[in-house]
Amino acid sequence: MRIVAGKYRGRKIRSVPGRMTRPLMGRVREALFNILGPAIEDVLVWDLFAGTGANGIEAVSRGARGVAFVERGRVPLSILRQNLSILEEDPLVPADSFCVLRGDAWTPKLPLEKGSLSAKPGLIFLDPPYPQVRRDPRRVLRKIRCFLGQIDPGGTLIFHFPRGTYEISAFESMGHADLRTWGEAAVCLLSPH
């Protein structure tokens, strides 16, 4: 897996073995970031269910101000911390512009209370494991509403889920919704009213 574009373009990032962590494919990540365009620049990002950290690292590569990565799994956390060497080795990326929080991404302890990560996020990546989404899709929608209440006005929440779980109508009451599909993956870009 590689960073698609920006200042870290082409840099390799490690993947988590197995099927529980399935990061967005490079072409999907590229398409999403192309949709976001310059709106990614200088925003704070929450990468929830961060896994490898690919989404957050891609965001910094394309100009995001900082990222809070939230992950609970021991193996994904280890891989994520290794992948963050891309940011740690860059002298132009302040050490306080990213952090890793171990815990439940459904109820993260965010926003952070101090530092450059204390503002509301302009972009939230929400990438829960498919089985969690399938098990209780209504609960997931309630959580999405909560996250939208925490996002910066004009911000975007990107929700990755298994294709066929939701129709666009599930999201329309929450704000502007743009539903895209790639193979078995579906992604909804949500901006609050």
C-alpha atoms as a PDB file:
ATOM      1  CA  MET A   1       0.000   0.000   0.000  1.00  0.00           C
ATOM      2  CA  ARG A   2       1.268   3.490  -0.841  1.00  0.00           C
ATOM      3  CA  ILE A   3       0.435   7.137  -0.234  1.00  0.00           C
ATOM      4  CA  VAL A   4      -1.352   8.276  -3.389  1.00  0.00           C
ATOM      5  CA  ALA A   5      -0.485  11.974  -3.688  1.00  0.00           C
ATOM      6  CA  GLY A   6       0.996  15.025  -2.027  1.00  0.00           C
ATOM      7  CA  LYS A   7       4.404  15.432  -0.479  1.00  0.00           C
ATOM      8  CA  TYR A   8       4.634  11.765   0.591  1.00  0.00           C
ATOM      9  CA  ARG A   9       3.421  10.409  -2.747  1.00  0.00           C
ATOM     10  CA  GLY A  10       4.650   6.898  -3.415  1.00  0.00           C
ATOM     11  CA  ARG A  11       5.819   6.256   0.163  1.00  0.00           C
ATOM     12  CA  LYS A  12       5.003   2.733   1.288  1.00  0.00           C
ATOM     13  CA  ILE A  13       2.896   2.071   4.339  1.00  0.00           C
ATOM     14  CA  ARG A  14       2.530  -1.263   6.031  1.00  0.00           C
ATOM     15  CA  SER A  15      -0.750  -3.164   6.017  1.00  0.00           C
ATOM     16  CA  VAL A  16      -2.372  -5.064   8.853  1.00  0.00           C
ATOM     17  CA  PRO A  17      -2.456  -8.806   8.114  1.00  0.00           C
ATOM     18  CA  GLY A  18      -5.826 -10.542   8.012  1.00  0.00           C
ATOM     19  CA  ARG A  19      -9.283  -9.444   6.935  1.00  0.00           C
ATOM     20  CA  MET A  20     -10.518  -7.471   9.957  1.00  0.00           C
ATOM     21  CA  THR A  21      -8.713  -4.290   8.920  1.00  0.00           C
ATOM     22  CA  ARG A  22      -9.480  -3.363   5.335  1.00  0.00           C
ATOM     23  CA  PRO A  23      -8.189   0.074   4.459  1.00  0.00           C
ATOM     24  CA  LEU A  24      -9.631   1.946   1.530  1.00  0.00           C
ATOM     25  CA  MET A  25      -7.984   0.825  -1.677  1.00  0.00           C
ATOM     26  CA  GLY A  26      -5.579   3.322  -3.200  1.00  0.00           C
ATOM     27  CA  ARG A  27      -7.911   4.146  -6.090  1.00  0.00           C
ATOM     28  CA  VAL A  28     -10.811   4.782  -3.695  1.00  0.00           C
ATOM     29  CA  ARG A  29      -8.655   6.932  -1.413  1.00  0.00           C
ATOM     30  CA  GLU A  30      -7.421   8.852  -4.455  1.00  0.00           C
ATOM     31  CA  ALA A  31     -10.980   9.436  -5.690  1.00  0.00           C
ATOM     32  CA  LEU A  32     -12.142  10.650  -2.262  1.00  0.00           C
ATOM     33  CA  PHE A  33      -9.265  13.062  -1.857  1.00  0.00           C
ATOM     34  CA  ASN A  34      -9.813  14.355  -5.388  1.00  0.00           C
ATOM     35  CA  ILE A  35     -13.443  15.057  -4.452  1.00  0.00           C
ATOM     36  CA  LEU A  36     -12.277  16.922  -1.335  1.00  0.00           C
ATOM     37  CA  GLY A  37      -9.695  18.875  -3.350  1.00  0.00           C
ATOM     38  CA  PRO A  38      -8.243  21.919  -1.625  1.00  0.00           C
ATOM     39  CA  ALA A  39     -10.764  21.610   1.242  1.00  0.00           C
ATOM     40  CA  ILE A  40      -8.263  19.253   2.920  1.00  0.00           C
ATOM     41  CA  GLU A  41      -5.638  21.970   3.313  1.00  0.00           C
ATOM     42  CA  ASP A  42      -5.045  23.225   6.834  1.00  0.00           C
ATOM     43  CA  VAL A  43      -7.874  21.209   8.439  1.00  0.00           C
ATOM     44  CA  LEU A  44      -7.778  19.048  11.515  1.00  0.00           C
ATOM     45  CA  VAL A  45      -8.585  15.393  10.774  1.00  0.00           C
ATOM     46  CA  TRP A  46      -9.984  12.656  12.996  1.00  0.00           C
ATOM     47  CA  ASP A  47      -9.078   9.226  11.647  1.00  0.00           C
ATOM     48  CA  LEU A  48     -11.479   6.957  13.569  1.00  0.00           C
ATOM     49  CA  PHE A  49     -10.866   3.199  13.416  1.00  0.00           C
ATOM     50  CA  ALA A  50      -7.540   4.315  11.979  1.00  0.00           C
ATOM     51  CA  GLY A  51      -6.070   0.880  11.296  1.00  0.00           C
ATOM     52  CA  THR A  52      -2.898   1.518   9.274  1.00  0.00           C
ATOM     53  CA  GLY A  53      -3.358   5.290   9.433  1.00  0.00           C
ATOM     54  CA  ALA A  54      -3.474   5.504   5.631  1.00  0.00           C
ATOM     55  CA  ASN A  55      -6.317   8.049   5.552  1.00  0.00           C
ATOM     56  CA  GLY A  56      -4.758  10.396   8.086  1.00  0.00           C
ATOM     57  CA  ILE A  57      -1.277  10.164   6.593  1.00  0.00           C
ATOM     58  CA  GLU A  58      -2.717  10.805   3.129  1.00  0.00           C
ATOM     59  CA  ALA A  59      -4.479  13.869   4.548  1.00  0.00           C
ATOM     60  CA  VAL A  60      -1.225  15.284   5.953  1.00  0.00           C
ATOM     61  CA  SER A  61       0.509  14.486   2.669  1.00  0.00           C
ATOM     62  CA  ARG A  62      -2.104  16.688   0.972  1.00  0.00           C
ATOM     63  CA  GLY A  63      -1.854  19.599   3.397  1.00  0.00           C
ATOM     64  CA  ALA A  64      -3.959  18.811   6.489  1.00  0.00           C
ATOM     65  CA  ARG A  65      -2.857  20.676   9.612  1.00  0.00           C
ATOM     66  CA  GLY A  66      -2.991  17.682  11.944  1.00  0.00           C
ATOM     67  CA  VAL A  67      -4.517  14.288  12.664  1.00  0.00           C
ATOM     68  CA  ALA A  68      -5.860  12.485  15.707  1.00  0.00           C
ATOM     69  CA  PHE A  69      -5.692   8.739  14.999  1.00  0.00           C
ATOM     70  CA  VAL A  70      -8.029   6.564  17.106  1.00  0.00           C
ATOM     71  CA  GLU A  71      -7.562   2.787  17.144  1.00  0.00           C
ATOM     72  CA  ARG A  72      -8.134   0.057  19.711  1.00  0.00           C
ATOM     73  CA  GLY A  73      -6.590  -3.097  18.219  1.00  0.00           C
ATOM     74  CA  ARG A  74      -3.115  -4.057  19.411  1.00  0.00           C
ATOM     75  CA  VAL A  75      -1.802  -5.202  15.996  1.00  0.00           C
ATOM     76  CA  PRO A  76      -3.237  -2.257  14.018  1.00  0.00           C
ATOM     77  CA  LEU A  77      -1.815   0.142  16.635  1.00  0.00           C
ATOM     78  CA  SER A  78       1.627  -1.352  16.189  1.00  0.00           C
ATOM     79  CA  ILE A  79       1.430  -1.026  12.387  1.00  0.00           C
ATOM     80  CA  LEU A  80       0.008   2.499  12.691  1.00  0.00           C
ATOM     81  CA  ARG A  81       2.887   3.619  14.912  1.00  0.00           C
ATOM     82  CA  GLN A  82       5.378   2.192  12.408  1.00  0.00           C
ATOM     83  CA  ASN A  83       3.638   3.985   9.538  1.00  0.00           C
ATOM     84  CA  LEU A  84       3.772   7.276  11.433  1.00  0.00           C
ATOM     85  CA  SER A  85       7.539   7.308  10.911  1.00  0.00           C
ATOM     86  CA  ILE A  86       6.668   9.083   7.630  1.00  0.00           C
ATOM     87  CA  LEU A  87       5.427  12.068   9.666  1.00  0.00           C
ATOM     88  CA  GLU A  88       7.991  11.780  12.452  1.00  0.00           C
ATOM     89  CA  GLU A  89      10.901  11.969   9.985  1.00  0.00           C
ATOM     90  CA  ASP A  90       9.584  15.148   8.346  1.00  0.00           C
ATOM     91  CA  PRO A  91      11.122  18.190  10.070  1.00  0.00           C
ATOM     92  CA  LEU A  92       8.296  20.375   8.716  1.00  0.00           C
ATOM     93  CA  VAL A  93       5.621  18.379  10.581  1.00  0.00           C
ATOM     94  CA  PRO A  94       5.402  19.532  14.217  1.00  0.00           C
ATOM     95  CA  ALA A  95       5.378  16.659  16.712  1.00  0.00           C
ATOM     96  CA  ASP A  96       2.188  18.006  18.301  1.00  0.00           C
ATOM     97  CA  SER A  97       0.287  18.002  14.992  1.00  0.00           C
ATOM     98  CA  PHE A  98      -0.623  14.320  15.258  1.00  0.00           C
ATOM     99  CA  CYS A  99      -1.366  11.847  18.006  1.00  0.00           C
ATOM    100  CA  VAL A 100      -2.473   8.273  18.483  1.00  0.00           C
ATOM    101  CA  LEU A 101      -5.278   7.573  20.932  1.00  0.00           C
ATOM    102  CA  ARG A 102      -5.886   3.985  21.961  1.00  0.00           C
ATOM    103  CA  GLY A 103      -9.552   3.384  22.622  1.00  0.00           C
ATOM    104  CA  ASP A 104     -13.032   2.919  21.283  1.00  0.00           C
ATOM    105  CA  ALA A 105     -13.449   5.036  18.170  1.00  0.00           C
ATOM    106  CA  TRP A 106     -17.233   5.164  18.726  1.00  0.00           C
ATOM    107  CA  THR A 107     -16.650   7.219  21.870  1.00  0.00           C
ATOM    108  CA  PRO A 108     -13.236   8.843  21.415  1.00  0.00           C
ATOM    109  CA  LYS A 109     -11.979  11.293  24.019  1.00  0.00           C
ATOM    110  CA  LEU A 110     -12.030  14.148  21.532  1.00  0.00           C
ATOM    111  CA  PRO A 111     -11.518  16.989  20.986  1.00  0.00           C
ATOM    112  CA  LEU A 112      -8.181  17.063  22.681  1.00  0.00           C
ATOM    113  CA  GLU A 113      -7.911  19.668  25.404  1.00  0.00           C
ATOM    114  CA  LYS A 114      -4.733  21.403  24.320  1.00  0.00           C
ATOM    115  CA  GLY A 115      -2.297  21.855  21.501  1.00  0.00           C
ATOM    116  CA  SER A 116      -2.894  22.162  17.788  1.00  0.00           C
ATOM    117  CA  LEU A 117      -5.354  19.253  17.852  1.00  0.00           C
ATOM    118  CA  SER A 118      -7.874  20.958  20.152  1.00  0.00           C
ATOM    119  CA  ALA A 119     -10.033  22.542  17.439  1.00  0.00           C
ATOM    120  CA  LYS A 120     -13.080  20.958  15.833  1.00  0.00           C
ATOM    121  CA  PRO A 121     -12.162  18.667  12.938  1.00  0.00           C
ATOM    122  CA  GLY A 122     -12.797  19.749   9.376  1.00  0.00           C
ATOM    123  CA  LEU A 123     -12.643  16.143   8.223  1.00  0.00           C
ATOM    124  CA  ILE A 124     -13.610  12.896   9.958  1.00  0.00           C
ATOM    125  CA  PHE A 125     -12.801   9.488   8.521  1.00  0.00           C
ATOM    126  CA  LEU A 126     -15.150   6.898  10.005  1.00  0.00           C
ATOM    127  CA  ASP A 127     -14.074   3.421   8.949  1.00  0.00           C
ATOM    128  CA  PRO A 128     -15.533   0.857  11.386  1.00  0.00           C
ATOM    129  CA  PRO A 129     -15.188  -2.888  10.824  1.00  0.00           C
ATOM    130  CA  TYR A 130     -17.889  -4.181   8.496  1.00  0.00           C
ATOM    131  CA  PRO A 131     -19.273  -6.674  11.070  1.00  0.00           C
ATOM    132  CA  GLN A 132     -19.957  -3.825  13.530  1.00  0.00           C
ATOM    133  CA  VAL A 133     -21.878  -1.899  10.888  1.00  0.00           C
ATOM    134  CA  ARG A 134     -23.903  -4.936   9.813  1.00  0.00           C
ATOM    135  CA  ARG A 135     -24.680  -5.935  13.415  1.00  0.00           C
ATOM    136  CA  ASP A 136     -26.376  -2.652  14.339  1.00  0.00           C
ATOM    137  CA  PRO A 137     -26.791  -0.228  11.413  1.00  0.00           C
ATOM    138  CA  ARG A 138     -29.220   2.024  13.335  1.00  0.00           C
ATOM    139  CA  ARG A 139     -26.715   2.534  16.161  1.00  0.00           C
ATOM    140  CA  VAL A 140     -24.082   3.493  13.581  1.00  0.00           C
ATOM    141  CA  LEU A 141     -26.396   6.156  12.142  1.00  0.00           C
ATOM    142  CA  ARG A 142     -26.952   7.579  15.648  1.00  0.00           C
ATOM    143  CA  LYS A 143     -23.183   7.768  16.157  1.00  0.00           C
ATOM    144  CA  ILE A 144     -22.738   9.503  12.803  1.00  0.00           C
ATOM    145  CA  ARG A 145     -25.227  12.174  13.909  1.00  0.00           C
ATOM    146  CA  CYS A 146     -23.143  12.722  17.046  1.00  0.00           C
ATOM    147  CA  PHE A 147     -19.935  13.070  15.047  1.00  0.00           C
ATOM    148  CA  LEU A 148     -21.573  15.540  12.669  1.00  0.00           C
ATOM    149  CA  GLY A 149     -22.413  17.658  15.711  1.00  0.00           C
ATOM    150  CA  GLN A 150     -18.709  17.871  16.525  1.00  0.00           C
ATOM    151  CA  ILE A 151     -17.412  18.744  13.065  1.00  0.00           C
ATOM    152  CA  ASP A 152     -16.381  22.227  11.978  1.00  0.00           C
ATOM    153  CA  PRO A 153     -19.086  24.047   9.952  1.00  0.00           C
ATOM    154  CA  GLY A 154     -18.422  23.243   6.317  1.00  0.00           C
ATOM    155  CA  GLY A 155     -16.525  20.089   7.265  1.00  0.00           C
ATOM    156  CA  THR A 156     -17.003  16.591   5.888  1.00  0.00           C
ATOM    157  CA  LEU A 157     -17.455  13.167   7.432  1.00  0.00           C
ATOM    158  CA  ILE A 158     -16.416  10.239   5.232  1.00  0.00           C
ATOM    159  CA  PHE A 159     -18.109   6.996   6.245  1.00  0.00           C
ATOM    160  CA  HIS A 160     -16.818   3.720   4.737  1.00  0.00           C
ATOM    161  CA  PHE A 161     -19.197   0.751   5.003  1.00  0.00           C
ATOM    162  CA  PRO A 162     -20.201  -2.449   3.183  1.00  0.00           C
ATOM    163  CA  ARG A 163     -22.121  -1.824  -0.011  1.00  0.00           C
ATOM    164  CA  GLY A 164     -25.864  -2.467   0.322  1.00  0.00           C
ATOM    165  CA  THR A 165     -26.069  -1.686   4.045  1.00  0.00           C
ATOM    166  CA  TYR A 166     -27.562   1.783   3.536  1.00  0.00           C
ATOM    167  CA  GLU A 167     -29.299   3.716   0.805  1.00  0.00           C
ATOM    168  CA  ILE A 168     -28.713   7.452   0.319  1.00  0.00           C
ATOM    169  CA  SER A 169     -32.032   8.156   2.090  1.00  0.00           C
ATOM    170  CA  ALA A 170     -30.477   7.013   5.401  1.00  0.00           C
ATOM    171  CA  PHE A 171     -28.170  10.029   5.326  1.00  0.00           C
ATOM    172  CA  GLU A 172     -30.179  12.799   3.670  1.00  0.00           C
ATOM    173  CA  SER A 173     -31.729  14.114   6.894  1.00  0.00           C
ATOM    174  CA  MET A 174     -28.220  14.641   8.333  1.00  0.00           C
ATOM    175  CA  GLY A 175     -27.024  17.094   5.701  1.00  0.00           C
ATOM    176  CA  HIS A 176     -25.632  17.015   2.203  1.00  0.00           C
ATOM    177  CA  ALA A 177     -24.934  13.354   1.351  1.00  0.00           C
ATOM    178  CA  ASP A 178     -22.936  11.964  -1.556  1.00  0.00           C
ATOM    179  CA  LEU A 179     -22.943   8.146  -1.765  1.00  0.00           C
ATOM    180  CA  ARG A 180     -20.325   6.381  -3.907  1.00  0.00           C
ATOM    181  CA  THR A 181     -19.576   2.686  -4.413  1.00  0.00           C
ATOM    182  CA  TRP A 182     -16.484   0.796  -5.517  1.00  0.00           C
ATOM    183  CA  GLY A 183     -16.839  -2.993  -5.643  1.00  0.00           C
ATOM    184  CA  GLU A 184     -18.030  -4.176  -2.226  1.00  0.00           C
ATOM    185  CA  ALA A 185     -17.165  -0.848  -0.575  1.00  0.00           C
ATOM    186  CA  ALA A 186     -19.519   2.085  -0.170  1.00  0.00           C
ATOM    187  CA  VAL A 187     -18.537   5.554   0.986  1.00  0.00           C
ATOM    188  CA  CYS A 188     -20.813   8.384   2.013  1.00  0.00           C
ATOM    189  CA  LEU A 189     -19.453  11.924   2.161  1.00  0.00           C
ATOM    190  CA  LEU A 190     -21.591  13.888   4.616  1.00  0.00           C
ATOM    191  CA  SER A 191     -21.567  17.602   5.288  1.00  0.00           C
ATOM    192  CA  PRO A 192     -23.880  18.870   8.033  1.00  0.00           C
ATOM    193  CA  HIS A 193     -26.661  21.367   7.228  1.00  0.00           C
END
